């Protein structure tokens, strides 16, 4: 038969896991919302200005850091 300490340890692990899932679920929705807003802003700029140059600058400003940092991450991996 399990001791009471073993039983409470399992409950604590489940509570930590629930907190972990809750935190990362919130991060997922936050990131998704930020990405949608960023895309809509670039789309709005395209519609309002009707300028390819301004659209290009806005796109680079919005998505460029992800491309640059993503490539830096690939090069910094240690195999």
PDB file of N, CA and C in Angstrom:
ATOM      1  N   UNK A   1       0.838  -1.183   0.000  1.00  0.00           N
ATOM      2  CA  UNK A   1       0.000   0.000   0.000  1.00  0.00           C
ATOM      3  C   UNK A   1       0.880   1.242   0.000  1.00  0.00           C
ATOM      4  N   UNK A   2       0.467   2.251  -0.719  1.00  0.00           N
ATOM      5  CA  UNK A   2       1.246   3.482  -0.817  1.00  0.00           C
ATOM      6  C   UNK A   2       1.108   4.307   0.446  1.00  0.00           C
ATOM      7  N   UNK A   3       2.193   4.979   0.786  1.00  0.00           N
ATOM      8  CA  UNK A   3       2.141   5.867   1.944  1.00  0.00           C
ATOM      9  C   UNK A   3       1.461   7.179   1.534  1.00  0.00           C
ATOM     10  N   UNK A   4       0.939   7.929   2.492  1.00  0.00           N
ATOM     11  CA  UNK A   4       0.291   9.211   2.167  1.00  0.00           C
ATOM     12  C   UNK A   4       1.238  10.198   1.476  1.00  0.00           C
ATOM     13  N   UNK A   5       2.523  10.118   1.794  1.00  0.00           N
ATOM     14  CA  UNK A   5       3.485  11.023   1.156  1.00  0.00           C
ATOM     15  C   UNK A   5       3.592  10.739  -0.344  1.00  0.00           C
ATOM     16  N   UNK A   6       3.568   9.441  -0.705  1.00  0.00           N
ATOM     17  CA  UNK A   6       3.633   9.080  -2.122  1.00  0.00           C
ATOM     18  C   UNK A   6       2.396   9.553  -2.872  1.00  0.00           C
ATOM     19  N   UNK A   7       1.256   9.471  -2.219  1.00  0.00           N
ATOM     20  CA  UNK A   7       0.005   9.889  -2.861  1.00  0.00           C
ATOM     21  C   UNK A   7      -0.027  11.399  -3.082  1.00  0.00           C
ATOM     22  N   UNK A   8       0.429  12.176  -2.117  1.00  0.00           N
ATOM     23  CA  UNK A   8       0.430  13.633  -2.279  1.00  0.00           C
ATOM     24  C   UNK A   8       1.479  14.071  -3.283  1.00  0.00           C
ATOM     25  N   UNK A   9       2.560  13.309  -3.401  1.00  0.00           N
ATOM     26  CA  UNK A   9       3.582  13.662  -4.388  1.00  0.00           C
ATOM     27  C   UNK A   9       3.022  13.566  -5.800  1.00  0.00           C
ATOM     28  N   UNK A  10       2.217  12.549  -6.072  1.00  0.00           N
ATOM     29  CA  UNK A  10       1.590  12.410  -7.378  1.00  0.00           C
ATOM     30  C   UNK A  10       0.628  13.542  -7.662  1.00  0.00           C
ATOM     31  N   UNK A  11      -0.112  13.990  -6.644  1.00  0.00           N
ATOM     32  CA  UNK A  11      -1.034  15.106  -6.815  1.00  0.00           C
ATOM     33  C   UNK A  11      -0.287  16.406  -7.093  1.00  0.00           C
ATOM     34  N   UNK A  12       0.847  16.594  -6.423  1.00  0.00           N
ATOM     35  CA  UNK A  12       1.650  17.804  -6.656  1.00  0.00           C
ATOM     36  C   UNK A  12       2.180  17.829  -8.081  1.00  0.00           C
ATOM     37  N   UNK A  13       2.610  16.666  -8.591  1.00  0.00           N
ATOM     38  CA  UNK A  13       3.109  16.599  -9.964  1.00  0.00           C
ATOM     39  C   UNK A  13       1.996  16.931 -10.956  1.00  0.00           C
ATOM     40  N   UNK A  14       0.790  16.438 -10.701  1.00  0.00           N
ATOM     41  CA  UNK A  14      -0.334  16.740 -11.587  1.00  0.00           C
ATOM     42  C   UNK A  14      -0.664  18.227 -11.558  1.00  0.00           C
ATOM     43  N   UNK A  15      -0.599  18.839 -10.386  1.00  0.00           N
ATOM     44  CA  UNK A  15      -0.885  20.272 -10.272  1.00  0.00           C
ATOM     45  C   UNK A  15       0.164  21.089 -11.024  1.00  0.00           C
ATOM     46  N   UNK A  16       1.436  20.694 -10.906  1.00  0.00           N
ATOM     47  CA  UNK A  16       2.496  21.396 -11.637  1.00  0.00           C
ATOM     48  C   UNK A  16       2.299  21.242 -13.143  1.00  0.00           C
ATOM     49  N   UNK A  17       1.884  20.053 -13.572  1.00  0.00           N
ATOM     50  CA  UNK A  17       1.651  19.822 -14.997  1.00  0.00           C
ATOM     51  C   UNK A  17       0.489  20.676 -15.495  1.00  0.00           C
ATOM     52  N   UNK A  18      -0.570  20.793 -14.707  1.00  0.00           N
ATOM     53  CA  UNK A  18      -1.704  21.625 -15.094  1.00  0.00           C
ATOM     54  C   UNK A  18      -1.283  23.091 -15.207  1.00  0.00           C
ATOM     55  N   UNK A  19      -0.451  23.549 -14.280  1.00  0.00           N
ATOM     56  CA  UNK A  19       0.041  24.928 -14.350  1.00  0.00           C
ATOM     57  C   UNK A  19       0.923  25.122 -15.580  1.00  0.00           C
ATOM     58  N   UNK A  20       1.737  24.127 -15.881  1.00  0.00           N
ATOM     59  CA  UNK A  20       2.612  24.169 -17.054  1.00  0.00           C
ATOM     60  C   UNK A  20       1.787  24.275 -18.337  1.00  0.00           C
ATOM     61  N   UNK A  21       0.769  23.429 -18.472  1.00  0.00           N
ATOM     62  CA  UNK A  21      -0.088  23.442 -19.654  1.00  0.00           C
ATOM     63  C   UNK A  21      -0.852  24.761 -19.748  1.00  0.00           C
ATOM     64  N   UNK A  22      -1.339  25.257 -18.619  1.00  0.00           N
ATOM     65  CA  UNK A  22      -2.066  26.524 -18.600  1.00  0.00           C
ATOM     66  C   UNK A  22      -1.166  27.665 -19.068  1.00  0.00           C
ATOM     67  N   UNK A  23       0.069  27.700 -18.574  1.00  0.00           N
ATOM     68  CA  UNK A  23       1.011  28.748 -18.961  1.00  0.00           C
ATOM     69  C   UNK A  23       1.308  28.695 -20.459  1.00  0.00           C
ATOM     70  N   UNK A  24       1.664  27.527 -20.974  1.00  0.00           N
ATOM     71  CA  UNK A  24       2.025  27.427 -22.382  1.00  0.00           C
ATOM     72  C   UNK A  24       0.817  27.574 -23.295  1.00  0.00           C
ATOM     73  N   UNK A  25      -0.362  27.210 -22.824  1.00  0.00           N
ATOM     74  CA  UNK A  25      -1.576  27.471 -23.597  1.00  0.00           C
ATOM     75  C   UNK A  25      -1.812  28.964 -23.737  1.00  0.00           C
ATOM     76  N   UNK A  26      -1.591  29.708 -22.654  1.00  0.00           N
ATOM     77  CA  UNK A  26      -1.712  31.165 -22.703  1.00  0.00           C
ATOM     78  C   UNK A  26      -0.688  31.780 -23.639  1.00  0.00           C
ATOM     79  N   UNK A  27       0.533  31.252 -23.616  1.00  0.00           N
ATOM     80  CA  UNK A  27       1.573  31.743 -24.510  1.00  0.00           C
ATOM     81  C   UNK A  27       1.199  31.492 -25.975  1.00  0.00           C
ATOM     82  N   UNK A  28       0.614  30.329 -26.236  1.00  0.00           N
ATOM     83  CA  UNK A  28       0.201  29.994 -27.594  1.00  0.00           C
ATOM     84  C   UNK A  28      -0.834  30.982 -28.113  1.00  0.00           C
ATOM     85  N   UNK A  29      -1.861  31.252 -27.311  1.00  0.00           N
ATOM     86  CA  UNK A  29      -2.898  32.186 -27.749  1.00  0.00           C
ATOM     87  C   UNK A  29      -2.367  33.612 -27.851  1.00  0.00           C
ATOM     88  N   UNK A  30      -1.463  33.987 -26.977  1.00  0.00           N
ATOM     89  CA  UNK A  30      -0.873  35.317 -27.045  1.00  0.00           C
ATOM     90  C   UNK A  30      -0.067  35.491 -28.332  1.00  0.00           C
ATOM     91  N   UNK A  31       0.738  34.497 -28.644  1.00  0.00           N
ATOM     92  CA  UNK A  31       1.566  34.552 -29.852  1.00  0.00           C
ATOM     93  C   UNK A  31       0.686  34.547 -31.107  1.00  0.00           C
ATOM     94  N   UNK A  32      -0.342  33.722 -31.091  1.00  0.00           N
ATOM     95  CA  UNK A  32      -1.261  33.663 -32.228  1.00  0.00           C
ATOM     96  C   UNK A  32      -1.949  35.011 -32.434  1.00  0.00           C
ATOM     97  N   UNK A  33      -2.409  35.627 -31.358  1.00  0.00           N
ATOM     98  CA  UNK A  33      -3.054  36.931 -31.462  1.00  0.00           C
ATOM     99  C   UNK A  33      -2.107  37.997 -31.976  1.00  0.00           C
ATOM    100  N   UNK A  34      -0.872  37.986 -31.495  1.00  0.00           N
ATOM    101  CA  UNK A  34       0.115  38.964 -31.953  1.00  0.00           C
ATOM    102  C   UNK A  34       0.414  38.799 -33.434  1.00  0.00           C
ATOM    103  N   UNK A  35       0.517  37.567 -33.886  1.00  0.00           N
ATOM    104  CA  UNK A  35       0.801  37.302 -35.295  1.00  0.00           C
ATOM    105  C   UNK A  35      -0.362  37.748 -36.184  1.00  0.00           C
ATOM    106  N   UNK A  36      -1.582  37.502 -35.744  1.00  0.00           N
ATOM    107  CA  UNK A  36      -2.753  37.930 -36.519  1.00  0.00           C
ATOM    108  C   UNK A  36      -2.798  39.451 -36.623  1.00  0.00           C
ATOM    109  N   UNK A  37      -2.561  40.137 -35.513  1.00  0.00           N
ATOM    110  CA  UNK A  37      -2.566  41.607 -35.533  1.00  0.00           C
ATOM    111  C   UNK A  37      -1.472  42.138 -36.446  1.00  0.00           C
ATOM    112  N   UNK A  38      -0.291  41.531 -36.385  1.00  0.00           N
ATOM    113  CA  UNK A  38       0.816  41.965 -37.232  1.00  0.00           C
ATOM    114  C   UNK A  38       0.460  41.796 -38.712  1.00  0.00           C
ATOM    115  N   UNK A  39      -0.129  40.676 -39.072  1.00  0.00           N
ATOM    116  CA  UNK A  39      -0.524  40.435 -40.456  1.00  0.00           C
ATOM    117  C   UNK A  39      -1.601  41.417 -40.908  1.00  0.00           C
ATOM    118  N   UNK A  40      -2.579  41.657 -40.059  1.00  0.00           N
ATOM    119  CA  UNK A  40      -3.669  42.584 -40.401  1.00  0.00           C
ATOM    120  C   UNK A  40      -3.140  44.007 -40.565  1.00  0.00           C
ATOM    121  N   UNK A  41      -2.173  44.407 -39.738  1.00  0.00           N
ATOM    122  CA  UNK A  41      -1.594  45.751 -39.891  1.00  0.00           C
ATOM    123  C   UNK A  41      -0.895  45.905 -41.238  1.00  0.00           C
ATOM    124  N   UNK A  42      -0.141  44.889 -41.640  1.00  0.00           N
ATOM    125  CA  UNK A  42       0.520  44.951 -42.949  1.00  0.00           C
ATOM    126  C   UNK A  42      -0.531  44.987 -44.061  1.00  0.00           C
ATOM    127  N   UNK A  43      -1.568  44.194 -43.931  1.00  0.00           N
ATOM    128  CA  UNK A  43      -2.649  44.203 -44.921  1.00  0.00           C
ATOM    129  C   UNK A  43      -3.348  45.563 -44.966  1.00  0.00           C
ATOM    130  N   UNK A  44      -3.599  46.151 -43.821  1.00  0.00           N
ATOM    131  CA  UNK A  44      -4.242  47.464 -43.748  1.00  0.00           C
ATOM    132  C   UNK A  44      -3.366  48.531 -44.404  1.00  0.00           C
ATOM    133  N   UNK A  45      -2.057  48.474 -44.149  1.00  0.00           N
ATOM    134  CA  UNK A  45      -1.133  49.426 -44.773  1.00  0.00           C
ATOM    135  C   UNK A  45      -1.191  49.284 -46.292  1.00  0.00           C
ATOM    136  N   UNK A  46      -1.251  48.046 -46.775  1.00  0.00           N
ATOM    137  CA  UNK A  46      -1.311  47.816 -48.228  1.00  0.00           C
ATOM    138  C   UNK A  46      -2.577  48.413 -48.822  1.00  0.00           C
ATOM    139  N   UNK A  47      -3.688  48.229 -48.154  1.00  0.00           N
ATOM    140  CA  UNK A  47      -4.963  48.733 -48.672  1.00  0.00           C
ATOM    141  C   UNK A  47      -5.019  50.258 -48.606  1.00  0.00           C
ATOM    142  N   UNK A  48      -4.578  50.828 -47.519  1.00  0.00           N
ATOM    143  CA  UNK A  48      -4.676  52.280 -47.324  1.00  0.00           C
ATOM    144  C   UNK A  48      -3.714  53.061 -48.202  1.00  0.00           C
ATOM    145  N   UNK A  49      -2.480  52.584 -48.340  1.00  0.00           N
ATOM    146  CA  UNK A  49      -1.476  53.389 -49.049  1.00  0.00           C
ATOM    147  C   UNK A  49      -1.422  53.093 -50.547  1.00  0.00           C
ATOM    148  N   UNK A  50      -1.788  51.888 -50.953  1.00  0.00           N
ATOM    149  CA  UNK A  50      -1.697  51.477 -52.355  1.00  0.00           C
ATOM    150  C   UNK A  50      -0.270  51.655 -52.893  1.00  0.00           C
ATOM    151  N   UNK A  51       0.712  51.527 -52.020  1.00  0.00           N
ATOM    152  CA  UNK A  51       2.107  51.716 -52.409  1.00  0.00           C
ATOM    153  C   UNK A  51       2.891  50.425 -52.168  1.00  0.00           C
ATOM    154  N   UNK A  52       3.551  49.936 -53.212  1.00  0.00           N
ATOM    155  CA  UNK A  52       4.356  48.732 -53.073  1.00  0.00           C
ATOM    156  C   UNK A  52       5.562  48.971 -52.186  1.00  0.00           C
ATOM    157  N   UNK A  53       6.136  50.157 -52.257  1.00  0.00           N
ATOM    158  CA  UNK A  53       7.315  50.479 -51.458  1.00  0.00           C
ATOM    159  C   UNK A  53       6.982  50.455 -49.965  1.00  0.00           C
ATOM    160  N   UNK A  54       5.923  51.124 -49.592  1.00  0.00           N
ATOM    161  CA  UNK A  54       5.544  51.163 -48.178  1.00  0.00           C
ATOM    162  C   UNK A  54       5.130  49.774 -47.704  1.00  0.00           C
ATOM    163  N   UNK A  55       4.457  49.012 -48.562  1.00  0.00           N
ATOM    164  CA  UNK A  55       4.101  47.641 -48.208  1.00  0.00           C
ATOM    165  C   UNK A  55       5.352  46.801 -47.977  1.00  0.00           C
ATOM    166  N   UNK A  56       6.337  46.957 -48.826  1.00  0.00           N
ATOM    167  CA  UNK A  56       7.589  46.218 -48.657  1.00  0.00           C
ATOM    168  C   UNK A  56       8.305  46.579 -47.376  1.00  0.00           C
ATOM    169  N   UNK A  57       8.371  47.865 -47.085  1.00  0.00           N
ATOM    170  CA  UNK A  57       9.025  48.320 -45.843  1.00  0.00           C
ATOM    171  C   UNK A  57       8.275  47.794 -44.621  1.00  0.00           C
ATOM    172  N   UNK A  58       6.950  47.853 -44.656  1.00  0.00           N
ATOM    173  CA  UNK A  58       6.154  47.357 -43.531  1.00  0.00           C
ATOM    174  C   UNK A  58       6.324  45.845 -43.366  1.00  0.00           C
ATOM    175  N   UNK A  59       6.379  45.125 -44.469  1.00  0.00           N
ATOM    176  CA  UNK A  59       6.566  43.671 -44.398  1.00  0.00           C
ATOM    177  C   UNK A  59       7.927  43.306 -43.828  1.00  0.00           C
ATOM    178  N   UNK A  60       8.956  44.014 -44.266  1.00  0.00           N
ATOM    179  CA  UNK A  60      10.297  43.755 -43.731  1.00  0.00           C
ATOM    180  C   UNK A  60      10.360  44.101 -42.247  1.00  0.00           C
ATOM    181  N   UNK A  61       9.747  45.210 -41.859  1.00  0.00           N
ATOM    182  CA  UNK A  61       9.735  45.592 -40.450  1.00  0.00           C
ATOM    183  C   UNK A  61       8.969  44.581 -39.598  1.00  0.00           C
ATOM    184  N   UNK A  62       7.914  44.004 -40.166  1.00  0.00           N
ATOM    185  CA  UNK A  62       7.087  43.061 -39.400  1.00  0.00           C
ATOM    186  C   UNK A  62       7.697  41.667 -39.343  1.00  0.00           C
ATOM    187  N   UNK A  63       8.151  41.158 -40.485  1.00  0.00           N
ATOM    188  CA  UNK A  63       8.567  39.761 -40.550  1.00  0.00           C
ATOM    189  C   UNK A  63      10.072  39.571 -40.661  1.00  0.00           C
ATOM    190  N   UNK A  64      10.818  40.616 -40.945  1.00  0.00           N
ATOM    191  CA  UNK A  64      12.267  40.517 -41.083  1.00  0.00           C
ATOM    192  C   UNK A  64      12.985  39.999 -39.850  1.00  0.00           C
ATOM    193  N   UNK A  65      12.661  40.511 -38.659  1.00  0.00           N
ATOM    194  CA  UNK A  65      13.355  40.008 -37.465  1.00  0.00           C
ATOM    195  C   UNK A  65      13.205  38.497 -37.264  1.00  0.00           C
ATOM    196  N   UNK A  66      12.044  37.939 -37.614  1.00  0.00           N
ATOM    197  CA  UNK A  66      11.863  36.498 -37.475  1.00  0.00           C
ATOM    198  C   UNK A  66      12.782  35.740 -38.426  1.00  0.00           C
ATOM    199  N   UNK A  67      12.922  36.261 -39.635  1.00  0.00           N
ATOM    200  CA  UNK A  67      13.799  35.602 -40.608  1.00  0.00           C
ATOM    201  C   UNK A  67      15.257  35.674 -40.176  1.00  0.00           C
ATOM    202  N   UNK A  68      15.674  36.846 -39.726  1.00  0.00           N
ATOM    203  CA  UNK A  68      17.071  37.026 -39.317  1.00  0.00           C
ATOM    204  C   UNK A  68      17.384  36.200 -38.071  1.00  0.00           C
ATOM    205  N   UNK A  69      16.546  36.302 -37.057  1.00  0.00           N
ATOM    206  CA  UNK A  69      16.803  35.567 -35.823  1.00  0.00           C
ATOM    207  C   UNK A  69      16.676  34.061 -36.026  1.00  0.00           C
ATOM    208  N   UNK A  70      15.802  33.645 -36.922  1.00  0.00           N
ATOM    209  CA  UNK A  70      15.680  32.223 -37.227  1.00  0.00           C
ATOM    210  C   UNK A  70      16.947  31.673 -37.865  1.00  0.00           C
ATOM    211  N   UNK A  71      17.543  32.458 -38.755  1.00  0.00           N
ATOM    212  CA  UNK A  71      18.784  32.021 -39.383  1.00  0.00           C
ATOM    213  C   UNK A  71      19.943  32.019 -38.387  1.00  0.00           C
ATOM    214  N   UNK A  72      19.980  32.998 -37.503  1.00  0.00           N
ATOM    215  CA  UNK A  72      21.028  33.023 -36.485  1.00  0.00           C
ATOM    216  C   UNK A  72      20.907  31.822 -35.563  1.00  0.00           C
ATOM    217  N   UNK A  73      19.689  31.418 -35.275  1.00  0.00           N
ATOM    218  CA  UNK A  73      19.483  30.260 -34.421  1.00  0.00           C
ATOM    219  C   UNK A  73      19.997  28.992 -35.111  1.00  0.00           C
ATOM    220  N   UNK A  74      19.784  28.874 -36.409  1.00  0.00           N
ATOM    221  CA  UNK A  74      20.266  27.696 -37.143  1.00  0.00           C
ATOM    222  C   UNK A  74      21.787  27.627 -37.104  1.00  0.00           C
ATOM    223  N   UNK A  75      22.454  28.761 -37.255  1.00  0.00           N
ATOM    224  CA  UNK A  75      23.903  28.766 -37.291  1.00  0.00           C
ATOM    225  C   UNK A  75      24.517  28.562 -35.914  1.00  0.00           C
ATOM    226  N   UNK A  76      23.769  28.865 -34.855  1.00  0.00           N
ATOM    227  CA  UNK A  76      24.326  28.758 -33.512  1.00  0.00           C
ATOM    228  C   UNK A  76      24.136  27.382 -32.901  1.00  0.00           C
ATOM    229  N   UNK A  77      23.484  26.459 -33.580  1.00  0.00           N
ATOM    230  CA  UNK A  77      23.277  25.114 -33.057  1.00  0.00           C
ATOM    231  C   UNK A  77      24.595  24.351 -32.995  1.00  0.00           C
ATOM    232  N   UNK A  78      24.738  23.629 -31.926  1.00  0.00           N
ATOM    233  CA  UNK A  78      25.935  22.801 -31.755  1.00  0.00           C
ATOM    234  C   UNK A  78      25.511  21.354 -31.965  1.00  0.00           C
ATOM    235  N   UNK A  79      26.134  20.706 -32.938  1.00  0.00           N
ATOM    236  CA  UNK A  79      25.773  19.301 -33.231  1.00  0.00           C
ATOM    237  C   UNK A  79      26.598  18.350 -32.417  1.00  0.00           C
TER     238      UNK A  79
END
